[in-house]
């Protein structure tokens, strides 16, 4: 991805200088480990995610495909980032 997709000319790469400015006022760690709460990992999960609104008929409670997707949504991150390198 590059800045064009965001409608500007700014690169999406984080330079050391920008990182330093963003974290200069932080008092705690940048990343923290959060243990998943039991409710997020026990389900229920959908076997197939509905593609259109009409497919939601009959589903009592809209949900996620799996625990990883639910946790990613809860903490506002991609499931790829949640998986780590």
Protein backbone atom coordinates (compact mmCIF):
# COMPACT_ATOMS: atom_id res chain seq x y z
CA UNK A 1 0.00 0.00 0.00
CA UNK A 2 1.12 3.52 -0.57
CA UNK A 3 -0.14 7.03 0.12
CA UNK A 4 -2.15 7.12 -3.12
CA UNK A 5 -4.73 4.77 -1.65
CA UNK A 6 -5.33 7.23 1.16
CA UNK A 7 -5.80 10.16 -1.20
CA UNK A 8 -2.60 11.93 -0.21
CA UNK A 9 1.08 11.99 -1.05
CA UNK A 10 2.32 10.74 2.32
CA UNK A 11 4.13 7.40 2.40
CA UNK A 12 2.79 4.78 4.79
CA UNK A 13 6.27 3.86 5.97
CA UNK A 14 7.01 4.91 9.53
CA UNK A 15 10.36 6.68 9.73
CA UNK A 16 12.42 6.75 12.91
CA UNK A 17 11.80 10.49 13.29
CA UNK A 18 8.02 10.12 13.04
CA UNK A 19 8.06 7.16 15.43
CA UNK A 20 10.05 9.20 17.96
CA UNK A 21 7.60 12.10 17.74
CA UNK A 22 4.57 9.79 18.13
CA UNK A 23 5.99 8.01 21.17
CA UNK A 24 7.77 10.94 22.89
CA UNK A 25 4.94 11.61 25.35
CA UNK A 26 4.17 7.94 26.11
CA UNK A 27 4.73 6.82 29.67
CA UNK A 28 4.05 3.10 29.21
CA UNK A 29 5.06 0.41 26.75
CA UNK A 30 4.01 0.68 23.11
CA UNK A 31 2.69 -2.90 22.98
CA UNK A 32 1.14 -4.89 25.78
CA UNK A 33 0.06 -8.51 26.05
CA UNK A 34 -3.64 -8.89 26.74
CA UNK A 35 -4.92 -12.34 27.69
CA UNK A 36 -8.10 -13.16 25.76
CA UNK A 37 -11.26 -13.21 27.87
CA UNK A 38 -13.02 -16.56 27.86
CA UNK A 39 -16.19 -15.26 26.20
CA UNK A 40 -14.28 -14.14 23.09
CA UNK A 41 -12.75 -17.52 22.38
CA UNK A 42 -15.65 -19.85 23.15
CA UNK A 43 -18.02 -18.75 20.39
CA UNK A 44 -20.51 -19.38 18.90
CA UNK A 45 -18.95 -18.75 15.48
CA UNK A 46 -20.47 -18.77 12.01
CA UNK A 47 -19.44 -21.48 9.59
CA UNK A 48 -19.92 -19.09 6.67
CA UNK A 49 -20.05 -15.31 6.92
CA UNK A 50 -23.16 -13.87 5.16
CA UNK A 51 -22.35 -11.96 1.96
CA UNK A 52 -25.59 -9.99 1.68
CA UNK A 53 -28.08 -8.69 4.23
CA UNK A 54 -30.79 -11.18 3.19
CA UNK A 55 -28.56 -14.05 4.34
CA UNK A 56 -28.81 -12.76 7.92
CA UNK A 57 -32.38 -14.04 8.11
CA UNK A 58 -32.53 -16.95 10.48
CA UNK A 59 -29.27 -16.11 12.22
CA UNK A 60 -30.19 -15.46 15.85
CA UNK A 61 -26.98 -13.67 16.73
CA UNK A 62 -24.55 -12.29 14.12
CA UNK A 63 -21.06 -13.45 14.99
CA UNK A 64 -17.54 -13.88 13.62
CA UNK A 65 -16.02 -16.81 11.72
CA UNK A 66 -13.54 -17.71 14.47
CA UNK A 67 -11.93 -16.55 17.71
CA UNK A 68 -9.04 -14.83 15.92
CA UNK A 69 -11.43 -12.62 13.92
CA UNK A 70 -13.44 -11.77 17.06
CA UNK A 71 -10.31 -10.76 18.99
CA UNK A 72 -8.99 -8.72 16.06
CA UNK A 73 -12.26 -6.78 15.89
CA UNK A 74 -12.35 -6.28 19.66
CA UNK A 75 -8.86 -4.75 19.71
CA UNK A 76 -9.22 -2.88 16.39
CA UNK A 77 -6.48 -4.70 14.51
CA UNK A 78 -6.19 -7.03 11.56
CA UNK A 79 -6.22 -10.74 12.21
CA UNK A 80 -2.85 -10.88 10.38
CA UNK A 81 -1.34 -8.49 12.94
CA UNK A 82 -2.86 -10.55 15.74
CA UNK A 83 -1.05 -13.62 14.42
CA UNK A 84 2.33 -11.91 14.58
CA UNK A 85 5.32 -12.36 12.28
